Amino acid sequence: GLFVYLLKLFVAFISPARDPVFEEVCPDGSDEEDTFRPFVRRLPEFEFWTASMRAVLISLLLSMFRALDMQIFWPILVLYFFVLFFATMKEQVTHMLQYGYVPWSTGRKKTYTKVSKAEPELQDV
């Protein structure tokens, strides 16, 4: 149960607040691709960490009680973990590539310009 909840939180964290599937075309017909739109998350980072820490702490607390202890066959649980994770991430990455958004940044883009080695112009003072 904890993994499914954490996976749901993670998918909301890397998803945009406004889904590009439902985006409407501008009524004035202008091209919005040239405008800068920052990536706004569906679930903000602070809320993501707060909810995930709360879930982990509650699950650790509940695991201390003998009445809530359940016997499970762990290889099935691990297989379920991997199948669910990879299926969900494949769908999410496909959506990101299709609509061209990236929920993380790799730092500042570096741009280099060529400096002319010509003689500097003298300015009148």
Foldseek 3Di string as FASTA:
>chain_A
DLLVVLLVLVLQFWAALDQPVPDDQDPVNDDCPPPDDDGHGSADPVRSVVVSVVSVVVVVVQVVDPVSDDDDDVVVVVVVSVVVVVVVVVVSVVSCVVVVDGSDDPDDDDDDDDDDPDDDDDDDD
